[in-house]
Amino acid sequence: MGLAAAGRAGGGSRLVKVLGAPGPERYPANMTTDDIRALPVERKIQIMEAIWADFREPFERSEISPQQKELLDRRRAQVREGAARLLDWDAVKGTSGGP
């Protein structure tokens, strides 16, 4: 799914507005990966912020179960107490046994 399609799927998200936002330059709503790579860094940042905002909203509205909260609290306490440590994603992404 392309960026513009992802933006429209949510009923007209900010992503399409950012891509087609008026300014010194106007970009088409149906952009290819190569089109996006060619954008100035500032515009890419605007697009990324719109994508993250789009991801964040559903998570902020959802509630976690008491069991999930308890598990997260236990894991945070283990890290705080030195019984566990946080690992960088790059260090663990190939160790899950998946593709």
N, C-alpha and C. Protein backbone atom coordinates (compact mmCIF):
# COMPACT_ATOMS: atom_id res chain seq x y z
N MET A 1 0.85 -1.17 0.00
CA MET A 1 0.00 0.00 0.00
C MET A 1 0.90 1.23 0.00
N GLY A 2 0.63 2.18 -0.88
CA GLY A 2 1.42 3.39 -0.94
C GLY A 2 1.04 4.36 0.15
N LEU A 3 1.85 5.39 0.31
CA LEU A 3 1.58 6.37 1.36
C LEU A 3 0.24 7.07 1.16
N ALA A 4 -0.05 7.45 -0.06
CA ALA A 4 -1.31 8.15 -0.30
C ALA A 4 -2.49 7.24 -0.02
N ALA A 5 -2.39 5.97 -0.41
CA ALA A 5 -3.47 5.03 -0.14
C ALA A 5 -3.64 4.84 1.35
N ALA A 6 -2.55 4.77 2.09
CA ALA A 6 -2.63 4.62 3.54
C ALA A 6 -3.32 5.82 4.15
N GLY A 7 -3.06 6.99 3.61
CA GLY A 7 -3.67 8.21 4.14
C GLY A 7 -5.17 8.24 3.91
N ARG A 8 -5.60 7.78 2.74
CA ARG A 8 -7.02 7.81 2.43
C ARG A 8 -7.79 6.75 3.18
N ALA A 9 -7.14 5.66 3.57
CA ALA A 9 -7.84 4.56 4.22
C ALA A 9 -8.47 4.99 5.53
N GLY A 10 -7.90 5.97 6.20
CA GLY A 10 -8.42 6.40 7.48
C GLY A 10 -9.45 7.50 7.36
N GLY A 11 -10.03 7.69 6.20
CA GLY A 11 -11.05 8.70 6.04
C GLY A 11 -10.47 10.09 5.85
N GLY A 12 -9.35 10.19 5.15
CA GLY A 12 -8.78 11.51 4.86
C GLY A 12 -7.84 11.97 5.95
N SER A 13 -6.77 11.25 6.18
CA SER A 13 -5.86 11.61 7.25
C SER A 13 -4.98 12.78 6.88
N ARG A 14 -4.18 13.21 7.85
CA ARG A 14 -3.25 14.31 7.65
C ARG A 14 -2.19 13.98 6.62
N LEU A 15 -1.90 12.71 6.38
CA LEU A 15 -0.84 12.33 5.45
C LEU A 15 -1.12 12.89 4.07
N VAL A 16 -2.32 12.70 3.57
CA VAL A 16 -2.65 13.23 2.25
C VAL A 16 -2.60 14.74 2.28
N LYS A 17 -3.03 15.35 3.37
CA LYS A 17 -2.98 16.80 3.48
C LYS A 17 -1.54 17.29 3.45
N VAL A 18 -0.63 16.56 4.10
CA VAL A 18 0.78 16.95 4.09
C VAL A 18 1.35 16.81 2.69
N LEU A 19 1.05 15.68 2.03
CA LEU A 19 1.58 15.46 0.69
C LEU A 19 1.06 16.50 -0.29
N GLY A 20 -0.17 16.89 -0.15
CA GLY A 20 -0.75 17.84 -1.08
C GLY A 20 -0.86 19.24 -0.51
N ALA A 21 -0.19 19.48 0.61
CA ALA A 21 -0.30 20.78 1.28
C ALA A 21 0.25 21.90 0.41
N PRO A 22 -0.43 23.05 0.42
CA PRO A 22 0.10 24.17 -0.35
C PRO A 22 1.40 24.67 0.27
N GLY A 23 2.23 25.19 -0.52
CA GLY A 23 3.51 25.71 -0.08
C GLY A 23 4.31 26.09 -1.29
N PRO A 24 5.60 26.31 -1.10
CA PRO A 24 6.41 26.70 -2.24
C PRO A 24 6.42 25.61 -3.32
N GLU A 25 6.26 24.35 -2.90
CA GLU A 25 6.20 23.24 -3.85
C GLU A 25 4.96 22.43 -3.54
N ARG A 26 4.34 21.89 -4.55
CA ARG A 26 3.17 21.04 -4.36
C ARG A 26 3.49 19.67 -4.91
N TYR A 27 3.15 18.61 -4.14
CA TYR A 27 3.47 17.25 -4.52
C TYR A 27 2.19 16.48 -4.76
N PRO A 28 2.22 15.57 -5.71
CA PRO A 28 1.00 14.79 -5.98
C PRO A 28 0.67 13.85 -4.82
N ALA A 29 -0.60 13.53 -4.67
CA ALA A 29 -1.02 12.63 -3.61
C ALA A 29 -0.59 11.20 -3.89
N ASN A 30 -0.39 10.83 -5.15
CA ASN A 30 0.02 9.47 -5.52
C ASN A 30 1.51 9.47 -5.83
N MET A 31 2.32 9.42 -4.78
CA MET A 31 3.76 9.48 -4.95
C MET A 31 4.36 8.08 -4.92
N THR A 32 5.40 7.88 -5.72
CA THR A 32 6.14 6.62 -5.69
C THR A 32 7.25 6.72 -4.65
N THR A 33 7.87 5.60 -4.36
CA THR A 33 9.00 5.59 -3.43
C THR A 33 10.11 6.49 -3.95
N ASP A 34 10.36 6.45 -5.25
CA ASP A 34 11.39 7.31 -5.83
C ASP A 34 11.04 8.79 -5.67
N ASP A 35 9.75 9.13 -5.82
CA ASP A 35 9.31 10.52 -5.61
C ASP A 35 9.61 10.96 -4.19
N ILE A 36 9.34 10.09 -3.24
CA ILE A 36 9.57 10.43 -1.83
C ILE A 36 11.06 10.57 -1.55
N ARG A 37 11.87 9.68 -2.10
CA ARG A 37 13.32 9.79 -1.92
C ARG A 37 13.86 11.10 -2.45
N ALA A 38 13.23 11.64 -3.46
CA ALA A 38 13.70 12.88 -4.08
C ALA A 38 13.26 14.13 -3.32
N LEU A 39 12.39 13.98 -2.34
CA LEU A 39 11.90 15.13 -1.58
C LEU A 39 13.00 15.74 -0.72
N PRO A 40 12.88 17.03 -0.43
CA PRO A 40 13.81 17.64 0.52
C PRO A 40 13.60 17.04 1.91
N VAL A 41 14.64 17.04 2.71
CA VAL A 41 14.59 16.45 4.06
C VAL A 41 13.45 17.04 4.88
N GLU A 42 13.25 18.34 4.81
CA GLU A 42 12.20 18.99 5.60
C GLU A 42 10.83 18.41 5.28
N ARG A 43 10.59 18.13 3.98
CA ARG A 43 9.29 17.59 3.56
C ARG A 43 9.14 16.15 4.03
N LYS A 44 10.24 15.38 3.97
CA LYS A 44 10.19 14.00 4.46
C LYS A 44 9.86 13.98 5.94
N ILE A 45 10.41 14.91 6.69
CA ILE A 45 10.13 14.98 8.13
C ILE A 45 8.66 15.28 8.36
N GLN A 46 8.09 16.20 7.58
CA GLN A 46 6.66 16.49 7.70
C GLN A 46 5.82 15.24 7.46
N ILE A 47 6.19 14.48 6.44
CA ILE A 47 5.45 13.26 6.12
C ILE A 47 5.59 12.24 7.23
N MET A 48 6.82 12.07 7.74
CA MET A 48 7.03 11.11 8.84
C MET A 48 6.23 11.52 10.07
N GLU A 49 6.20 12.82 10.39
CA GLU A 49 5.43 13.27 11.55
C GLU A 49 3.96 12.97 11.36
N ALA A 50 3.45 13.14 10.15
CA ALA A 50 2.05 12.84 9.89
C ALA A 50 1.77 11.35 10.04
N ILE A 51 2.70 10.52 9.57
CA ILE A 51 2.53 9.07 9.70
C ILE A 51 2.53 8.67 11.17
N TRP A 52 3.49 9.17 11.95
CA TRP A 52 3.56 8.82 13.37
C TRP A 52 2.33 9.31 14.13
N ALA A 53 1.83 10.50 13.77
CA ALA A 53 0.61 11.00 14.42
C ALA A 53 -0.56 10.08 14.10
N ASP A 54 -0.60 9.60 12.86
CA ASP A 54 -1.66 8.70 12.45
C ASP A 54 -1.59 7.38 13.22
N PHE A 55 -0.37 6.86 13.45
CA PHE A 55 -0.19 5.64 14.24
C PHE A 55 -0.51 5.87 15.71
N ARG A 56 -0.12 7.02 16.24
CA ARG A 56 -0.23 7.28 17.67
C ARG A 56 -1.69 7.40 18.12
N GLU A 57 -2.52 8.03 17.34
CA GLU A 57 -3.90 8.29 17.76
C GLU A 57 -4.67 7.03 18.18
N PRO A 58 -4.64 5.95 17.39
CA PRO A 58 -5.39 4.76 17.82
C PRO A 58 -4.83 4.15 19.11
N PHE A 59 -3.51 4.22 19.28
CA PHE A 59 -2.91 3.65 20.49
C PHE A 59 -3.25 4.48 21.73
N GLU A 60 -3.33 5.79 21.57
CA GLU A 60 -3.68 6.64 22.71
C GLU A 60 -5.12 6.44 23.12
N ARG A 61 -5.98 6.08 22.18
CA ARG A 61 -7.39 5.86 22.50
C ARG A 61 -7.64 4.48 23.09
N SER A 62 -6.75 3.55 22.83
CA SER A 62 -6.97 2.19 23.32
C SER A 62 -6.46 2.06 24.76
N GLU A 63 -7.06 1.14 25.44
CA GLU A 63 -6.65 0.88 26.82
C GLU A 63 -6.01 -0.49 26.88
N ILE A 64 -5.00 -0.63 27.73
CA ILE A 64 -4.41 -1.94 27.92
C ILE A 64 -5.10 -2.62 29.08
N SER A 65 -5.09 -3.93 29.03
CA SER A 65 -5.76 -4.70 30.08
C SER A 65 -4.93 -4.62 31.37
N PRO A 66 -5.54 -4.91 32.50
CA PRO A 66 -4.79 -4.95 33.76
C PRO A 66 -3.63 -5.95 33.71
N GLN A 67 -3.84 -7.06 33.00
CA GLN A 67 -2.78 -8.05 32.89
C GLN A 67 -1.59 -7.50 32.09
N GLN A 68 -1.87 -6.78 31.01
CA GLN A 68 -0.80 -6.18 30.21
C GLN A 68 -0.05 -5.12 31.02
N LYS A 69 -0.80 -4.31 31.76
CA LYS A 69 -0.17 -3.28 32.59
C LYS A 69 0.72 -3.92 33.65
N GLU A 70 0.23 -4.97 34.28
CA GLU A 70 1.03 -5.67 35.30
C GLU A 70 2.31 -6.23 34.69
N LEU A 71 2.22 -6.82 33.51
CA LEU A 71 3.40 -7.37 32.84
C LEU A 71 4.41 -6.27 32.53
N LEU A 72 3.94 -5.15 32.00
CA LEU A 72 4.84 -4.03 31.71
C LEU A 72 5.48 -3.48 32.98
N ASP A 73 4.70 -3.35 34.02
CA ASP A 73 5.24 -2.86 35.30
C ASP A 73 6.31 -3.80 35.84
N ARG A 74 6.06 -5.12 35.74
CA ARG A 74 7.06 -6.09 36.20
C ARG A 74 8.35 -5.99 35.40
N ARG A 75 8.21 -5.86 34.09
CA ARG A 75 9.40 -5.77 33.23
C ARG A 75 10.18 -4.48 33.50
N ARG A 76 9.48 -3.39 33.71
CA ARG A 76 10.16 -2.12 34.03
C ARG A 76 10.91 -2.25 35.36
N ALA A 77 10.28 -2.90 36.33
CA ALA A 77 10.92 -3.09 37.64
C ALA A 77 12.16 -3.97 37.51
N GLN A 78 12.10 -5.01 36.69
CA GLN A 78 13.25 -5.88 36.49
C GLN A 78 14.43 -5.11 35.89
N VAL A 79 14.15 -4.24 34.95
CA VAL A 79 15.22 -3.43 34.35
C VAL A 79 15.77 -2.46 35.39
N ARG A 80 14.88 -1.83 36.12
CA ARG A 80 15.29 -0.86 37.15
C ARG A 80 16.17 -1.51 38.22
N GLU A 81 15.83 -2.75 38.58
CA GLU A 81 16.57 -3.47 39.63
C GLU A 81 17.81 -4.20 39.11
N GLY A 82 18.03 -4.17 37.80
CA GLY A 82 19.19 -4.83 37.23
C GLY A 82 19.01 -6.31 36.97
N ALA A 83 17.80 -6.83 37.16
CA ALA A 83 17.53 -8.24 36.92
C ALA A 83 17.32 -8.53 35.44
N ALA A 84 17.14 -7.50 34.65
CA ALA A 84 16.97 -7.63 33.19
C ALA A 84 17.56 -6.37 32.56
N ARG A 85 17.83 -6.46 31.28
CA ARG A 85 18.34 -5.28 30.60
C ARG A 85 17.62 -5.08 29.28
N LEU A 86 17.56 -3.84 28.85
CA LEU A 86 16.96 -3.50 27.57
C LEU A 86 17.99 -3.75 26.49
N LEU A 87 17.54 -4.30 25.39
CA LEU A 87 18.42 -4.57 24.26
C LEU A 87 18.02 -3.71 23.07
N ASP A 88 19.00 -3.27 22.33
CA ASP A 88 18.77 -2.50 21.12
C ASP A 88 18.14 -3.41 20.05
N TRP A 89 17.21 -2.88 19.30
CA TRP A 89 16.52 -3.66 18.28
C TRP A 89 17.52 -4.29 17.30
N ASP A 90 18.54 -3.54 16.89
CA ASP A 90 19.52 -4.09 15.95
C ASP A 90 20.23 -5.32 16.52
N ALA A 91 20.37 -5.39 17.82
CA ALA A 91 21.04 -6.53 18.46
C ALA A 91 20.16 -7.77 18.50
N VAL A 92 18.84 -7.62 18.45
CA VAL A 92 17.96 -8.78 18.63
C VAL A 92 17.11 -9.13 17.42
N LYS A 93 17.04 -8.28 16.43
CA LYS A 93 16.07 -8.52 15.35
C LYS A 93 16.30 -9.81 14.58
N GLY A 94 17.50 -10.32 14.53
CA GLY A 94 17.74 -11.56 13.82
C GLY A 94 17.70 -12.80 14.69
N THR A 95 17.36 -12.64 15.97
CA THR A 95 17.42 -13.78 16.89
C THR A 95 16.07 -14.43 17.17
N SER A 96 15.00 -13.94 16.58
CA SER A 96 13.66 -14.46 16.91
C SER A 96 13.35 -15.78 16.23
N GLY A 97 14.16 -16.21 15.28
CA GLY A 97 13.89 -17.46 14.59
C GLY A 97 12.94 -17.28 13.43
N GLY A 98 12.46 -16.07 13.22
CA GLY A 98 11.56 -15.80 12.10
C GLY A 98 12.34 -15.47 10.84
N PRO A 99 11.65 -15.12 9.79
CA PRO A 99 12.31 -14.79 8.51
C PRO A 99 13.18 -13.56 8.61
